């Protein structure tokens, strides 16, 4: 079902029926997002819709949750999600979730540990802030724990998700993180082997082939650069690094 209404109708209606209009827009988002396959989503469109929904209903928790989960993890950037989470913090100043999500996204996507620590410290001071806030902050102190922190964060999101479309997206990201963990261990094991000489047969002879299938359902293959990848994704789990931070510690 298509819940779309013309913007020329929605905008005037918002003055008197803001929450109703926000609910209609939210159903439209779920209808479109849930009906598309990964790779088909228009995240700029999604960000605009979430912006409208949260302007009409500044307490639309479901929209902020989608902003925290889908936008940064799918685009590799906080460009779309950060303004929405700032709005959530302003609308619900006692809710620990919004500074928590903003802090983790600052850590994982902006590579800004100071900003992340500031938001997580704010989250920890909120009423009913759970232990995950401080546990995650501790894991984020060491770069070696980056994937551990990402997995813990996604597990917490999965626990809190109530929408099937969002749950599916979180599960997809969890699988990508778990697959990447195995591939990074393999990176270290084969670092001494020239890229052009790497192959599945060589891994098998050396006893380095990891248990398969991988978490995403694929097997280990090598790309043109000699880098191990999953046959399912055919690419590695990469995070966007802002230009001013490139060359720093990933």
Protein backbone atom coordinates (compact mmCIF):
# COMPACT_ATOMS: atom_id res chain seq x y z
CA UNK A 1 0.00 0.00 0.00
CA UNK A 2 1.29 3.50 -0.85
CA UNK A 3 0.79 6.00 1.96
CA UNK A 4 2.26 8.93 0.05
CA UNK A 5 0.44 12.25 0.04
CA UNK A 6 1.50 15.27 -2.01
CA UNK A 7 3.88 17.57 -0.11
CA UNK A 8 1.62 20.53 -0.95
CA UNK A 9 -1.02 18.75 1.17
CA UNK A 10 1.27 17.41 3.88
CA UNK A 11 3.04 20.65 4.72
CA UNK A 12 -0.10 22.74 5.46
CA UNK A 13 -1.64 19.81 7.35
CA UNK A 14 1.38 19.60 9.59
CA UNK A 15 0.39 22.74 11.50
CA UNK A 16 -2.75 21.20 12.96
CA UNK A 17 -2.23 17.48 12.53
CA UNK A 18 1.51 17.10 12.93
CA UNK A 19 1.53 13.71 14.59
CA UNK A 20 -1.00 12.28 12.15
CA UNK A 21 1.05 13.49 9.18
CA UNK A 22 4.22 12.13 10.77
CA UNK A 23 2.54 8.73 11.20
CA UNK A 24 1.46 8.68 7.54
CA UNK A 25 4.97 9.58 6.41
CA UNK A 26 6.44 6.88 8.67
CA UNK A 27 4.17 4.21 7.15
CA UNK A 28 5.29 5.36 3.72
CA UNK A 29 8.94 5.00 4.75
CA UNK A 30 8.39 1.48 6.08
CA UNK A 31 6.42 0.48 3.00
CA UNK A 32 9.14 1.62 0.62
CA UNK A 33 12.20 0.65 2.69
CA UNK A 34 10.85 -2.79 3.55
CA UNK A 35 10.02 -3.51 -0.09
CA UNK A 36 13.46 -2.74 -1.47
CA UNK A 37 16.51 -4.97 -1.60
CA UNK A 38 19.90 -3.88 -0.16
CA UNK A 39 21.59 -1.68 -2.72
CA UNK A 40 18.32 -0.24 -4.02
CA UNK A 41 17.72 2.21 -1.18
CA UNK A 42 17.90 5.96 -1.76
CA UNK A 43 19.41 7.17 1.50
CA UNK A 44 19.17 10.86 0.62
CA UNK A 45 15.42 10.35 0.19
CA UNK A 46 15.24 8.42 3.45
CA UNK A 47 17.09 11.19 5.31
CA UNK A 48 14.68 13.81 3.94
CA UNK A 49 11.67 11.76 5.02
CA UNK A 50 13.08 11.19 8.52
CA UNK A 51 13.82 14.91 8.75
CA UNK A 52 10.19 15.74 7.90
CA UNK A 53 8.81 13.11 10.29
CA UNK A 54 10.87 14.39 13.21
CA UNK A 55 10.02 18.02 12.45
CA UNK A 56 6.33 17.13 12.58
CA UNK A 57 6.81 14.91 15.62
CA UNK A 58 10.03 15.69 17.51
CA UNK A 59 9.37 12.67 19.76
CA UNK A 60 9.21 10.14 16.91
CA UNK A 61 11.57 7.63 18.52
CA UNK A 62 11.18 5.08 15.70
CA UNK A 63 12.41 7.61 13.12
CA UNK A 64 15.43 8.57 15.21
CA UNK A 65 16.25 4.91 15.73
CA UNK A 66 16.21 4.34 11.98
CA UNK A 67 18.44 7.38 11.56
CA UNK A 68 20.93 5.94 14.06
CA UNK A 69 20.90 2.46 12.53
CA UNK A 70 20.34 2.68 8.80
CA UNK A 71 21.81 5.96 7.64
CA UNK A 72 25.38 5.77 8.99
CA UNK A 73 25.82 2.03 8.61
CA UNK A 74 24.59 2.06 5.03
CA UNK A 75 26.33 5.22 3.84
CA UNK A 76 29.50 4.99 5.96
CA UNK A 77 29.00 8.58 7.07
CA UNK A 78 27.23 10.58 9.79
CA UNK A 79 26.25 13.31 7.32
CA UNK A 80 22.56 12.39 7.41
CA UNK A 81 22.27 10.87 10.87
CA UNK A 82 24.08 13.44 13.04
CA UNK A 83 21.56 16.30 12.63
CA UNK A 84 18.67 13.95 13.37
CA UNK A 85 20.30 12.60 16.52
CA UNK A 86 21.02 16.17 17.63
CA UNK A 87 17.30 16.85 17.27
CA UNK A 88 16.51 13.73 19.30
CA UNK A 89 18.81 14.89 22.09
CA UNK A 90 17.14 18.29 22.14
CA UNK A 91 13.62 16.81 22.15
CA UNK A 92 14.36 14.09 24.72
CA UNK A 93 17.22 15.41 26.87
CA UNK A 94 16.85 12.73 29.56
CA UNK A 95 16.98 9.77 27.14
CA UNK A 96 20.39 8.06 27.20
CA UNK A 97 19.97 6.43 23.78
CA UNK A 98 20.51 9.46 21.57
CA UNK A 99 23.90 10.59 22.95
CA UNK A 100 24.86 6.91 23.08
CA UNK A 101 24.10 6.37 19.40
CA UNK A 102 25.67 9.70 18.46
CA UNK A 103 28.80 8.82 20.43
CA UNK A 104 29.25 5.42 18.86
CA UNK A 105 28.70 6.81 15.38
CA UNK A 106 31.29 9.51 16.08
CA UNK A 107 33.74 6.79 17.06
CA UNK A 108 33.03 4.33 14.26
CA UNK A 109 32.35 6.59 11.31
CA UNK A 110 34.09 9.88 12.18
CA UNK A 111 37.07 8.28 13.95
CA UNK A 112 36.78 10.98 16.59
CA UNK A 113 37.41 9.41 19.99
CA UNK A 114 37.19 12.67 21.90
CA UNK A 115 33.75 13.44 20.53
CA UNK A 116 32.68 9.84 21.12
CA UNK A 117 33.88 9.94 24.72
CA UNK A 118 32.02 13.21 25.31
CA UNK A 119 28.71 11.82 24.07
CA UNK A 120 29.11 8.49 25.86
CA UNK A 121 29.92 10.27 29.11
CA UNK A 122 26.73 12.30 28.67
CA UNK A 123 24.76 9.11 27.96
CA UNK A 124 26.13 7.40 31.07
CA UNK A 125 24.82 10.22 33.26
CA UNK A 126 21.25 9.88 32.02
CA UNK A 127 18.57 8.15 34.10
CA UNK A 128 18.30 4.41 33.41
CA UNK A 129 21.48 4.31 31.31
CA UNK A 130 22.37 0.57 31.09
CA UNK A 131 25.82 -1.01 31.66
CA UNK A 132 26.34 -1.33 27.87
CA UNK A 133 27.22 2.37 27.75
CA UNK A 134 30.31 2.05 29.94
CA UNK A 135 31.25 -1.40 28.62
CA UNK A 136 31.28 -0.08 25.09
CA UNK A 137 33.23 3.00 26.11
CA UNK A 138 35.91 0.72 27.57
CA UNK A 139 36.12 -1.39 24.40
CA UNK A 140 36.47 1.72 22.27
CA UNK A 141 39.63 2.77 24.09
CA UNK A 142 41.70 0.23 22.15
CA UNK A 143 41.76 0.23 18.35
CA UNK A 144 42.17 -3.56 18.47
CA UNK A 145 38.70 -3.73 19.96
CA UNK A 146 36.99 -1.80 17.17
CA UNK A 147 35.16 -4.80 15.71
CA UNK A 148 34.28 -5.98 19.21
CA UNK A 149 32.77 -2.58 19.92
CA UNK A 150 30.88 -2.61 16.64
CA UNK A 151 29.47 -6.07 17.31
CA UNK A 152 28.42 -5.13 20.86
CA UNK A 153 26.73 -1.99 19.57
CA UNK A 154 24.85 -3.87 16.85
CA UNK A 155 23.80 -6.58 19.29
CA UNK A 156 22.33 -3.91 21.55
CA UNK A 157 20.51 -2.35 18.58
CA UNK A 158 19.18 -5.76 17.60
CA UNK A 159 17.86 -6.28 21.12
CA UNK A 160 16.03 -2.94 20.98
CA UNK A 161 14.72 -3.18 17.43
CA UNK A 162 10.97 -3.74 17.06
CA UNK A 163 10.61 -3.27 13.32
CA UNK A 164 11.28 -6.24 10.97
CA UNK A 165 12.92 -4.05 8.31
CA UNK A 166 15.34 -2.53 10.81
CA UNK A 167 16.01 -5.90 12.42
CA UNK A 168 16.95 -7.32 9.02
CA UNK A 169 19.32 -4.41 8.36
CA UNK A 170 21.01 -4.79 11.75
CA UNK A 171 21.43 -8.53 11.21
CA UNK A 172 23.00 -7.84 7.82
CA UNK A 173 25.54 -5.50 9.40
CA UNK A 174 26.28 -8.00 12.18
CA UNK A 175 27.04 -10.67 9.60
CA UNK A 176 29.36 -8.25 7.77
CA UNK A 177 31.26 -7.46 10.99
CA UNK A 178 31.62 -11.14 11.91
CA UNK A 179 32.83 -12.02 8.44
CA UNK A 180 35.33 -9.16 8.53
CA UNK A 181 36.69 -10.41 11.86
CA UNK A 182 37.63 -13.74 10.23
CA UNK A 183 39.11 -12.06 7.17
CA UNK A 184 41.28 -9.78 9.32
CA UNK A 185 42.67 -12.78 11.18
CA UNK A 186 43.46 -14.30 7.79
CA UNK A 187 45.13 -11.02 6.72
CA UNK A 188 47.55 -11.32 9.61
CA UNK A 189 48.25 -15.01 8.93
CA UNK A 190 49.13 -14.46 5.25
CA UNK A 191 50.86 -11.08 5.53
CA UNK A 192 54.20 -12.67 4.63
CA UNK A 193 52.84 -14.23 1.41
CA UNK A 194 53.11 -12.07 -1.74
CA UNK A 195 49.61 -11.14 -2.96
CA UNK A 196 50.14 -12.75 -6.39
CA UNK A 197 50.91 -16.13 -4.83
CA UNK A 198 47.83 -16.30 -2.61
CA UNK A 199 45.16 -18.88 -3.40
CA UNK A 200 42.63 -21.14 -1.72
CA UNK A 201 44.82 -24.13 -2.53
CA UNK A 202 47.77 -22.51 -0.74
CA UNK A 203 45.61 -21.73 2.29
CA UNK A 204 44.50 -25.36 2.40
CA UNK A 205 48.09 -26.65 2.19
CA UNK A 206 49.18 -24.33 5.00
CA UNK A 207 46.16 -25.17 7.14
CA UNK A 208 45.02 -21.53 7.09
CA UNK A 209 41.63 -21.95 5.45
CA UNK A 210 39.05 -20.82 8.03
CA UNK A 211 35.89 -22.83 8.77
CA UNK A 212 33.35 -22.35 5.99
CA UNK A 213 30.85 -21.15 5.13
CA UNK A 214 31.75 -17.74 6.51
CA UNK A 215 29.12 -15.93 8.61
CA UNK A 216 27.69 -14.31 5.47
CA UNK A 217 27.35 -17.69 3.74
CA UNK A 218 30.32 -17.32 1.39
CA UNK A 219 33.76 -18.89 1.15
CA UNK A 220 37.19 -17.25 1.08
CA UNK A 221 38.31 -16.10 -2.35
CA UNK A 222 40.89 -13.53 -3.43
CA UNK A 223 40.25 -10.29 -5.28
CA UNK A 224 42.48 -8.84 -8.00
CA UNK A 225 44.75 -7.29 -5.38
CA UNK A 226 45.31 -10.61 -3.61
CA UNK A 227 43.14 -9.59 -0.67
CA UNK A 228 40.91 -12.27 0.91
CA UNK A 229 37.19 -11.53 0.53
CA UNK A 230 33.97 -13.48 0.91
CA UNK A 231 32.54 -14.96 -2.28
CA UNK A 232 29.17 -13.66 -1.09
CA UNK A 233 29.99 -9.97 -0.59
CA UNK A 234 33.06 -9.86 -2.88
CA UNK A 235 34.32 -6.85 -0.94
CA UNK A 236 35.68 -6.04 2.49
CA UNK A 237 33.88 -4.28 5.31
CA UNK A 238 35.16 -0.72 4.95
CA UNK A 239 34.31 2.40 6.88
CA UNK A 240 34.46 5.85 5.34
CA UNK A 241 37.28 7.99 6.75
CA UNK A 242 36.77 11.77 6.50
CA UNK A 243 39.50 13.46 4.40
CA UNK A 244 40.90 15.35 7.41
CA UNK A 245 41.46 12.04 9.19
CA UNK A 246 42.85 9.99 6.32
CA UNK A 247 46.32 8.70 7.02
CA UNK A 248 45.52 8.30 10.68
CA UNK A 249 44.79 5.16 12.66
CA UNK A 250 41.94 3.09 11.33
